[in-house]
């Protein structure tokens, strides 16, 4: 049974979408997902399911809408995809916690970076359904404007690496 890594959007960020990870785990188990594990409070959950990535994301998003009042958005990747994201990092010199990967359900438009405003020297790169953004001064202080990431969910490189490791342990375990 495949391992899915679900990345929830707008959960436990800035006081919105409050969701305890124990609730998320219980919800996933109620949906029939197996070997459910959460990682940190930012809406990361790994599980086994025979559902396709798309079907699992829709099922989880619909169920979360009942709890949160609206669907937060769920992006699902597998370990191979996370490994590829890490290995093709276009900014290898960036500190891992200063490199954010924004996950989208669909590839952004070809002109996704055309309206980029990067007053603090931020750099962005599109690769498939992800947009890498290097924040040289940290994302918390950034004044970056990048409309293409408005409907994405972002994780720093450290978190992506850890999620890939957790997925590998689930696959082997």
N, C-alpha and C. Protein backbone atom coordinates (compact mmCIF):
# COMPACT_ATOMS: atom_id res chain seq x y z
N UNK A 1 0.85 -1.17 0.00
CA UNK A 1 0.00 0.00 0.00
C UNK A 1 0.90 1.24 0.00
N UNK A 2 0.67 2.17 -0.92
CA UNK A 2 1.55 3.34 -1.02
C UNK A 2 1.49 4.26 0.20
N UNK A 3 2.61 4.93 0.44
CA UNK A 3 2.68 5.95 1.50
C UNK A 3 2.46 7.31 0.86
N UNK A 4 1.52 8.05 1.42
CA UNK A 4 1.22 9.41 0.97
C UNK A 4 1.70 10.40 2.03
N UNK A 5 2.23 11.52 1.60
CA UNK A 5 2.60 12.62 2.49
C UNK A 5 1.66 13.77 2.16
N UNK A 6 0.78 14.08 3.09
CA UNK A 6 -0.20 15.15 2.88
C UNK A 6 0.29 16.42 3.56
N UNK A 7 0.27 17.50 2.81
CA UNK A 7 0.69 18.82 3.28
C UNK A 7 -0.55 19.70 3.27
N UNK A 8 -1.01 20.08 4.46
CA UNK A 8 -2.22 20.87 4.58
C UNK A 8 -1.88 22.35 4.49
N UNK A 9 -2.73 23.08 3.80
CA UNK A 9 -2.57 24.52 3.64
C UNK A 9 -3.36 25.24 4.72
N UNK A 10 -2.82 26.35 5.21
CA UNK A 10 -3.53 27.24 6.13
C UNK A 10 -3.97 26.56 7.41
N UNK A 11 -3.14 25.68 7.94
CA UNK A 11 -3.43 25.03 9.22
C UNK A 11 -2.39 25.46 10.23
N UNK A 12 -2.86 25.97 11.36
CA UNK A 12 -2.00 26.40 12.47
C UNK A 12 -0.97 27.45 12.05
N UNK A 13 -1.39 28.36 11.18
CA UNK A 13 -0.52 29.44 10.73
C UNK A 13 -1.18 30.76 11.09
N UNK A 14 -0.50 31.58 11.86
CA UNK A 14 -1.02 32.90 12.21
C UNK A 14 -2.36 32.87 12.91
N UNK A 15 -2.62 31.83 13.69
CA UNK A 15 -3.86 31.76 14.45
C UNK A 15 -5.06 31.29 13.65
N UNK A 16 -4.86 30.90 12.40
CA UNK A 16 -5.99 30.42 11.60
C UNK A 16 -5.92 28.92 11.44
N UNK A 17 -7.05 28.31 11.15
CA UNK A 17 -7.10 26.88 10.88
C UNK A 17 -6.56 26.04 12.01
N UNK A 18 -6.93 26.37 13.27
CA UNK A 18 -6.42 25.63 14.41
C UNK A 18 -6.84 24.17 14.35
N UNK A 19 -5.86 23.30 14.37
CA UNK A 19 -6.11 21.87 14.31
C UNK A 19 -5.01 21.15 15.06
N UNK A 20 -5.40 20.43 16.10
CA UNK A 20 -4.42 19.65 16.84
C UNK A 20 -4.03 18.44 16.00
N UNK A 21 -2.76 18.11 16.06
CA UNK A 21 -2.27 16.99 15.25
C UNK A 21 -2.90 15.67 15.70
N UNK A 22 -3.27 15.55 16.98
CA UNK A 22 -3.96 14.34 17.43
C UNK A 22 -5.33 14.24 16.76
N UNK A 23 -6.00 15.37 16.54
CA UNK A 23 -7.28 15.37 15.83
C UNK A 23 -7.08 14.98 14.37
N UNK A 24 -6.04 15.50 13.76
CA UNK A 24 -5.74 15.18 12.37
C UNK A 24 -5.46 13.69 12.23
N UNK A 25 -4.68 13.14 13.15
CA UNK A 25 -4.37 11.71 13.11
C UNK A 25 -5.64 10.88 13.24
N UNK A 26 -6.49 11.24 14.20
CA UNK A 26 -7.74 10.50 14.41
C UNK A 26 -8.65 10.60 13.18
N UNK A 27 -8.72 11.77 12.58
CA UNK A 27 -9.53 11.95 11.38
C UNK A 27 -9.03 11.03 10.26
N UNK A 28 -7.72 11.01 10.06
CA UNK A 28 -7.15 10.16 9.01
C UNK A 28 -7.44 8.68 9.27
N UNK A 29 -7.35 8.28 10.51
CA UNK A 29 -7.65 6.89 10.86
C UNK A 29 -9.12 6.59 10.61
N UNK A 30 -10.01 7.54 10.96
CA UNK A 30 -11.44 7.37 10.70
C UNK A 30 -11.74 7.25 9.21
N UNK A 31 -10.93 7.87 8.38
CA UNK A 31 -11.10 7.80 6.93
C UNK A 31 -10.58 6.48 6.34
N UNK A 32 -9.98 5.66 7.21
CA UNK A 32 -9.47 4.37 6.75
C UNK A 32 -8.01 4.38 6.35
N UNK A 33 -7.33 5.51 6.54
CA UNK A 33 -5.90 5.57 6.25
C UNK A 33 -5.17 4.76 7.32
N UNK A 34 -4.08 4.15 6.95
CA UNK A 34 -3.33 3.28 7.86
C UNK A 34 -1.95 3.85 8.17
N UNK A 35 -1.39 3.40 9.30
CA UNK A 35 -0.04 3.82 9.74
C UNK A 35 0.09 5.34 9.74
N UNK A 36 -0.88 6.03 10.29
CA UNK A 36 -0.93 7.49 10.26
C UNK A 36 0.08 8.07 11.23
N UNK A 37 0.85 9.03 10.73
CA UNK A 37 1.82 9.78 11.56
C UNK A 37 1.74 11.25 11.19
N UNK A 38 1.81 12.09 12.20
CA UNK A 38 1.88 13.53 11.93
C UNK A 38 3.29 14.00 12.25
N UNK A 39 3.63 15.15 11.71
CA UNK A 39 4.94 15.74 11.98
C UNK A 39 4.78 17.23 12.17
N UNK A 40 5.23 17.72 13.28
CA UNK A 40 5.13 19.10 13.77
C UNK A 40 3.71 19.66 13.58
N UNK A 41 3.48 20.85 14.03
CA UNK A 41 2.14 21.41 14.11
C UNK A 41 1.66 22.12 12.85
N UNK A 42 2.40 22.02 11.76
CA UNK A 42 2.04 22.81 10.58
C UNK A 42 1.23 22.03 9.54
N UNK A 43 0.60 20.93 9.96
CA UNK A 43 -0.28 20.22 9.04
C UNK A 43 0.41 19.26 8.09
N UNK A 44 1.26 18.41 8.63
CA UNK A 44 1.92 17.38 7.84
C UNK A 44 1.46 16.02 8.37
N UNK A 45 0.96 15.18 7.48
CA UNK A 45 0.51 13.86 7.91
C UNK A 45 0.90 12.83 6.85
N UNK A 46 1.44 11.73 7.32
CA UNK A 46 1.83 10.62 6.45
C UNK A 46 0.92 9.45 6.74
N UNK A 47 0.58 8.70 5.71
CA UNK A 47 -0.30 7.54 5.90
C UNK A 47 -0.20 6.62 4.70
N UNK A 48 -0.71 5.42 4.89
CA UNK A 48 -0.82 4.45 3.80
C UNK A 48 -2.28 4.45 3.34
N UNK A 49 -2.45 4.36 2.03
CA UNK A 49 -3.80 4.26 1.46
C UNK A 49 -3.69 3.73 0.05
N UNK A 50 -4.70 2.94 -0.33
CA UNK A 50 -4.78 2.48 -1.71
C UNK A 50 -5.41 3.52 -2.62
N UNK A 51 -5.94 4.60 -2.03
CA UNK A 51 -6.49 5.68 -2.84
C UNK A 51 -5.38 6.35 -3.63
N UNK A 52 -5.72 6.87 -4.79
CA UNK A 52 -4.75 7.67 -5.54
C UNK A 52 -4.43 8.93 -4.73
N UNK A 53 -3.36 9.59 -5.09
CA UNK A 53 -3.02 10.85 -4.40
C UNK A 53 -4.17 11.85 -4.52
N UNK A 54 -4.75 11.97 -5.69
CA UNK A 54 -5.84 12.92 -5.90
C UNK A 54 -7.05 12.57 -5.05
N UNK A 55 -7.44 11.30 -5.04
CA UNK A 55 -8.60 10.87 -4.26
C UNK A 55 -8.35 11.04 -2.77
N UNK A 56 -7.15 10.70 -2.31
CA UNK A 56 -6.83 10.85 -0.89
C UNK A 56 -6.86 12.33 -0.49
N UNK A 57 -6.32 13.20 -1.33
CA UNK A 57 -6.33 14.64 -1.04
C UNK A 57 -7.76 15.17 -0.97
N UNK A 58 -8.60 14.76 -1.91
CA UNK A 58 -9.99 15.23 -1.92
C UNK A 58 -10.75 14.72 -0.70
N UNK A 59 -10.53 13.47 -0.34
CA UNK A 59 -11.20 12.88 0.82
C UNK A 59 -10.80 13.62 2.09
N UNK A 60 -9.52 13.85 2.25
CA UNK A 60 -9.02 14.53 3.45
C UNK A 60 -9.49 15.99 3.47
N UNK A 61 -9.41 16.67 2.35
CA UNK A 61 -9.81 18.08 2.28
C UNK A 61 -11.30 18.24 2.62
N UNK A 62 -12.14 17.38 2.08
CA UNK A 62 -13.58 17.44 2.35
C UNK A 62 -13.86 17.20 3.82
N UNK A 63 -13.18 16.24 4.42
CA UNK A 63 -13.38 15.94 5.84
C UNK A 63 -12.88 17.07 6.72
N UNK A 64 -11.77 17.67 6.34
CA UNK A 64 -11.25 18.81 7.11
C UNK A 64 -12.19 20.01 7.02
N UNK A 65 -12.87 20.16 5.91
CA UNK A 65 -13.81 21.28 5.74
C UNK A 65 -14.91 21.20 6.80
N UNK A 66 -15.33 20.00 7.15
CA UNK A 66 -16.37 19.84 8.18
C UNK A 66 -15.87 20.30 9.55
N UNK A 67 -14.60 20.11 9.81
CA UNK A 67 -14.02 20.48 11.11
C UNK A 67 -13.65 21.96 11.15
N UNK A 68 -13.03 22.44 10.09
CA UNK A 68 -12.48 23.80 10.07
C UNK A 68 -13.44 24.85 9.52
N UNK A 69 -14.54 24.41 8.94
CA UNK A 69 -15.48 25.35 8.37
C UNK A 69 -15.24 25.66 6.90
N UNK A 70 -14.07 25.31 6.41
CA UNK A 70 -13.76 25.42 4.99
C UNK A 70 -12.60 24.50 4.68
N UNK A 71 -12.53 24.10 3.44
CA UNK A 71 -11.46 23.19 3.01
C UNK A 71 -10.15 23.97 2.98
N UNK A 72 -9.13 23.47 3.68
CA UNK A 72 -7.87 24.21 3.73
C UNK A 72 -7.03 24.07 2.46
N UNK A 73 -7.19 22.98 1.76
CA UNK A 73 -6.32 22.65 0.63
C UNK A 73 -5.31 21.61 1.08
N UNK A 74 -5.23 20.53 0.35
CA UNK A 74 -4.33 19.43 0.69
C UNK A 74 -3.50 19.09 -0.54
N UNK A 75 -2.19 19.10 -0.39
CA UNK A 75 -1.29 18.69 -1.45
C UNK A 75 -0.65 17.37 -1.01
N UNK A 76 -0.64 16.38 -1.88
CA UNK A 76 -0.06 15.09 -1.53
C UNK A 76 1.11 14.79 -2.45
N UNK A 77 2.17 14.33 -1.84
CA UNK A 77 3.35 13.88 -2.57
C UNK A 77 3.74 12.50 -2.04
N UNK A 78 4.62 11.83 -2.77
CA UNK A 78 5.18 10.58 -2.27
C UNK A 78 6.66 10.80 -1.98
N UNK A 79 7.28 9.77 -1.43
CA UNK A 79 8.68 9.94 -1.03
C UNK A 79 9.59 10.24 -2.21
N UNK A 80 9.37 9.58 -3.33
CA UNK A 80 10.22 9.82 -4.49
C UNK A 80 10.14 11.28 -4.93
N UNK A 81 8.95 11.85 -4.87
CA UNK A 81 8.80 13.26 -5.23
C UNK A 81 9.53 14.17 -4.25
N UNK A 82 9.43 13.87 -2.95
CA UNK A 82 10.15 14.69 -1.97
C UNK A 82 11.66 14.54 -2.14
N UNK A 83 12.11 13.32 -2.39
CA UNK A 83 13.55 13.10 -2.63
C UNK A 83 14.02 13.92 -3.83
N UNK A 84 13.22 13.95 -4.88
CA UNK A 84 13.58 14.72 -6.08
C UNK A 84 13.60 16.22 -5.78
N UNK A 85 12.66 16.68 -4.99
CA UNK A 85 12.62 18.10 -4.61
C UNK A 85 13.91 18.48 -3.87
N UNK A 86 14.33 17.61 -2.97
CA UNK A 86 15.56 17.87 -2.20
C UNK A 86 16.79 17.81 -3.11
N UNK A 87 16.86 16.80 -3.97
CA UNK A 87 18.07 16.60 -4.77
C UNK A 87 18.22 17.61 -5.91
N UNK A 88 17.13 18.22 -6.33
CA UNK A 88 17.21 19.20 -7.42
C UNK A 88 17.10 20.63 -6.91
N UNK A 89 17.37 20.83 -5.65
CA UNK A 89 17.33 22.15 -5.03
C UNK A 89 18.16 23.14 -5.87
N UNK A 90 17.52 24.18 -6.40
CA UNK A 90 18.25 25.13 -7.23
C UNK A 90 19.10 26.13 -6.44
N UNK A 91 18.97 26.10 -5.11
CA UNK A 91 19.71 27.02 -4.26
C UNK A 91 20.48 26.24 -3.19
N UNK A 92 21.43 25.41 -3.59
CA UNK A 92 22.12 24.54 -2.62
C UNK A 92 22.92 25.30 -1.57
N UNK A 93 23.27 26.55 -1.85
CA UNK A 93 24.04 27.33 -0.88
C UNK A 93 23.16 27.94 0.21
N UNK A 94 21.85 27.90 0.04
CA UNK A 94 20.92 28.51 1.00
C UNK A 94 20.85 27.67 2.28
N UNK A 95 20.74 28.35 3.41
CA UNK A 95 20.50 27.64 4.66
C UNK A 95 19.15 26.94 4.53
N UNK A 96 19.05 25.67 4.96
CA UNK A 96 17.82 24.91 4.76
C UNK A 96 16.56 25.56 5.35
N UNK A 97 16.74 26.27 6.47
CA UNK A 97 15.56 26.90 7.08
C UNK A 97 15.24 28.25 6.42
N UNK A 98 16.04 28.68 5.47
CA UNK A 98 15.78 29.91 4.72
C UNK A 98 15.31 29.61 3.29
N UNK A 99 15.13 28.32 3.01
CA UNK A 99 14.66 27.90 1.70
C UNK A 99 13.29 27.26 1.88
N UNK A 100 12.29 27.89 1.31
CA UNK A 100 10.92 27.39 1.40
C UNK A 100 10.52 26.78 0.07
N UNK A 101 9.85 25.66 0.15
CA UNK A 101 9.29 25.04 -1.05
C UNK A 101 7.78 25.18 -0.94
N UNK A 102 7.20 25.85 -1.93
CA UNK A 102 5.75 26.03 -1.98
C UNK A 102 5.18 24.94 -2.86
N UNK A 103 4.25 24.18 -2.30
CA UNK A 103 3.63 23.05 -2.99
C UNK A 103 2.28 23.47 -3.55
N UNK A 104 2.06 23.15 -4.81
CA UNK A 104 0.81 23.44 -5.49
C UNK A 104 0.22 22.13 -6.01
N UNK A 105 -1.08 22.11 -6.25
CA UNK A 105 -1.69 20.91 -6.82
C UNK A 105 -1.44 20.79 -8.32
N UNK A 106 -1.24 21.91 -8.97
CA UNK A 106 -1.00 21.93 -10.41
C UNK A 106 0.20 22.81 -10.70
N UNK A 107 0.88 22.58 -11.81
CA UNK A 107 2.00 23.46 -12.15
C UNK A 107 1.52 24.91 -12.29
N UNK A 108 2.31 25.85 -11.82
CA UNK A 108 1.93 27.25 -11.98
C UNK A 108 2.04 27.67 -13.44
N UNK A 109 1.41 28.77 -13.81
CA UNK A 109 1.52 29.21 -15.20
C UNK A 109 2.96 29.56 -15.55
N UNK A 110 3.25 29.56 -16.84
CA UNK A 110 4.61 29.83 -17.32
C UNK A 110 5.12 31.19 -16.86
N UNK A 111 4.22 32.14 -16.65
CA UNK A 111 4.63 33.49 -16.23
C UNK A 111 4.56 33.67 -14.70
N UNK A 112 4.61 32.57 -13.95
CA UNK A 112 4.44 32.61 -12.49
C UNK A 112 5.40 33.56 -11.78
N UNK A 113 6.60 33.72 -12.30
CA UNK A 113 7.59 34.56 -11.63
C UNK A 113 7.62 35.98 -12.20
N UNK A 114 6.80 36.26 -13.20
CA UNK A 114 6.84 37.59 -13.83
C UNK A 114 6.46 38.72 -12.88
N UNK A 115 5.59 38.44 -11.91
CA UNK A 115 5.16 39.50 -10.99
C UNK A 115 5.87 39.41 -9.64
N UNK A 116 6.99 38.74 -9.62
CA UNK A 116 7.79 38.62 -8.41
C UNK A 116 8.34 39.98 -8.00
N UNK A 117 8.12 40.34 -6.74
CA UNK A 117 8.72 41.53 -6.15
C UNK A 117 9.56 41.02 -4.98
N UNK A 118 10.87 41.22 -5.07
CA UNK A 118 11.80 40.64 -4.10
C UNK A 118 12.70 41.73 -3.53
N UNK A 119 12.16 42.58 -2.64
CA UNK A 119 12.94 43.71 -2.15
C UNK A 119 14.12 43.35 -1.26
N UNK A 120 14.13 42.13 -0.73
CA UNK A 120 15.21 41.73 0.16
C UNK A 120 16.15 40.71 -0.49
N UNK A 121 16.14 40.65 -1.81
CA UNK A 121 17.04 39.75 -2.51
C UNK A 121 16.57 38.31 -2.59
N UNK A 122 15.28 38.08 -2.37
CA UNK A 122 14.75 36.73 -2.48
C UNK A 122 14.89 36.25 -3.92
N UNK A 123 15.07 34.94 -4.05
CA UNK A 123 15.16 34.33 -5.38
C UNK A 123 14.13 33.21 -5.44
N UNK A 124 13.53 33.02 -6.61
CA UNK A 124 12.52 31.98 -6.77
C UNK A 124 12.81 31.16 -8.02
N UNK A 125 12.37 29.91 -7.97
CA UNK A 125 12.56 28.99 -9.09
C UNK A 125 11.36 28.05 -9.14
N UNK A 126 10.79 27.88 -10.33
CA UNK A 126 9.67 26.97 -10.53
C UNK A 126 10.19 25.63 -11.04
N UNK A 127 9.67 24.56 -10.46
CA UNK A 127 10.01 23.20 -10.91
C UNK A 127 8.77 22.33 -10.73
N UNK A 128 8.11 22.04 -11.81
CA UNK A 128 6.90 21.21 -11.73
C UNK A 128 5.80 21.90 -10.96
N UNK A 129 5.32 21.25 -9.92
CA UNK A 129 4.24 21.80 -9.08
C UNK A 129 4.80 22.46 -7.82
N UNK A 130 6.09 22.78 -7.82
CA UNK A 130 6.70 23.43 -6.67
C UNK A 130 7.37 24.73 -7.09
N UNK A 131 7.41 25.64 -6.14
CA UNK A 131 8.17 26.88 -6.32
C UNK A 131 9.10 27.00 -5.13
N UNK A 132 10.40 27.01 -5.42
CA UNK A 132 11.42 27.19 -4.39
C UNK A 132 11.62 28.69 -4.20
N UNK A 133 11.69 29.12 -2.95
CA UNK A 133 11.99 30.53 -2.67
C UNK A 133 13.07 30.58 -1.61
N UNK A 134 14.18 31.23 -1.96
CA UNK A 134 15.26 31.46 -0.99
C UNK A 134 15.06 32.84 -0.39
N UNK A 135 14.90 32.85 0.92
CA UNK A 135 14.72 34.09 1.68
C UNK A 135 16.02 34.37 2.43
N UNK A 136 16.92 35.21 1.90
CA UNK A 136 18.22 35.41 2.55
C UNK A 136 18.13 36.00 3.95
N UNK A 137 17.04 36.70 4.25
CA UNK A 137 16.86 37.28 5.59
C UNK A 137 15.80 36.55 6.40
N UNK A 138 15.34 35.41 5.93
CA UNK A 138 14.28 34.66 6.59
C UNK A 138 12.91 35.04 6.05
N UNK A 139 12.01 34.08 6.02
CA UNK A 139 10.69 34.34 5.45
C UNK A 139 9.82 35.21 6.35
N UNK A 140 10.06 35.19 7.64
CA UNK A 140 9.25 35.97 8.58
C UNK A 140 9.38 37.47 8.41
N UNK A 141 10.51 37.92 7.92
CA UNK A 141 10.74 39.36 7.74
C UNK A 141 10.60 39.81 6.28
N UNK A 142 10.37 38.85 5.43
CA UNK A 142 10.36 39.14 4.00
C UNK A 142 9.16 39.98 3.58
N UNK A 143 9.39 40.81 2.59
CA UNK A 143 8.32 41.60 1.98
C UNK A 143 8.07 41.11 0.54
N UNK A 144 8.45 39.86 0.30
CA UNK A 144 8.28 39.24 -1.01
C UNK A 144 6.81 39.29 -1.45
N UNK A 145 6.62 39.57 -2.71
CA UNK A 145 5.30 39.47 -3.33
C UNK A 145 5.43 38.48 -4.48
N UNK A 146 4.68 37.40 -4.39
CA UNK A 146 4.70 36.38 -5.42
C UNK A 146 3.30 35.76 -5.49
N UNK A 147 2.43 36.34 -6.32
CA UNK A 147 1.04 35.86 -6.38
C UNK A 147 0.91 34.36 -6.66
N UNK A 148 1.84 33.77 -7.34
CA UNK A 148 1.76 32.35 -7.70
C UNK A 148 1.73 31.42 -6.49
N UNK A 149 2.20 31.88 -5.33
CA UNK A 149 2.21 31.01 -4.15
C UNK A 149 1.01 31.26 -3.23
N UNK A 150 0.09 32.09 -3.65
CA UNK A 150 -1.07 32.43 -2.83
C UNK A 150 -1.87 31.20 -2.42
N UNK A 151 -2.00 30.22 -3.30
CA UNK A 151 -2.80 29.03 -3.00
C UNK A 151 -1.95 27.79 -2.75
N UNK A 152 -0.70 28.04 -2.42
CA UNK A 152 0.24 26.95 -2.13
C UNK A 152 0.36 26.75 -0.62
N UNK A 153 1.04 25.71 -0.24
CA UNK A 153 1.44 25.52 1.14
C UNK A 153 2.96 25.34 1.12
N UNK A 154 3.64 25.99 2.05
CA UNK A 154 5.10 26.00 2.02
C UNK A 154 5.70 25.27 3.22
N UNK A 155 6.83 24.63 2.96
CA UNK A 155 7.62 23.98 4.01
C UNK A 155 9.07 24.32 3.76
N UNK A 156 9.84 24.48 4.86
CA UNK A 156 11.26 24.73 4.63
C UNK A 156 11.96 23.41 4.28
N UNK A 157 13.16 23.54 3.77
CA UNK A 157 13.88 22.37 3.30
C UNK A 157 14.11 21.35 4.41
N UNK A 158 14.37 21.79 5.63
CA UNK A 158 14.53 20.85 6.74
C UNK A 158 13.30 19.97 6.90
N UNK A 159 12.12 20.57 6.83
CA UNK A 159 10.87 19.83 6.99
C UNK A 159 10.68 18.84 5.84
N UNK A 160 10.98 19.25 4.63
CA UNK A 160 10.84 18.36 3.47
C UNK A 160 11.76 17.16 3.62
N UNK A 161 12.99 17.39 4.06
CA UNK A 161 13.94 16.29 4.27
C UNK A 161 13.41 15.33 5.34
N UNK A 162 12.91 15.87 6.43
CA UNK A 162 12.39 15.04 7.52
C UNK A 162 11.17 14.24 7.07
N UNK A 163 10.28 14.86 6.30
CA UNK A 163 9.11 14.14 5.80
C UNK A 163 9.52 12.99 4.88
N UNK A 164 10.52 13.22 4.06
CA UNK A 164 11.03 12.14 3.19
C UNK A 164 11.60 11.00 4.03
N UNK A 165 12.32 11.33 5.09
CA UNK A 165 12.87 10.31 5.98
C UNK A 165 11.77 9.51 6.67
N UNK A 166 10.74 10.21 7.14
CA UNK A 166 9.62 9.53 7.79
C UNK A 166 8.89 8.61 6.81
N UNK A 167 8.72 9.09 5.57
CA UNK A 167 8.07 8.26 4.55
C UNK A 167 8.90 7.00 4.27
N UNK A 168 10.21 7.17 4.21
CA UNK A 168 11.08 6.01 3.97
C UNK A 168 10.93 4.99 5.09
N UNK A 169 10.88 5.46 6.35
CA UNK A 169 10.74 4.53 7.47
C UNK A 169 9.39 3.81 7.43
N UNK A 170 8.35 4.51 6.98
CA UNK A 170 7.04 3.86 6.83
C UNK A 170 7.07 2.81 5.73
N UNK A 171 7.74 3.12 4.64
CA UNK A 171 7.85 2.17 3.52
C UNK A 171 8.61 0.92 3.93
N UNK A 172 9.62 1.11 4.75
CA UNK A 172 10.47 -0.02 5.16
C UNK A 172 9.91 -0.77 6.35
N UNK A 173 9.01 -0.12 7.11
CA UNK A 173 8.56 -0.68 8.36
C UNK A 173 7.39 -1.54 8.29
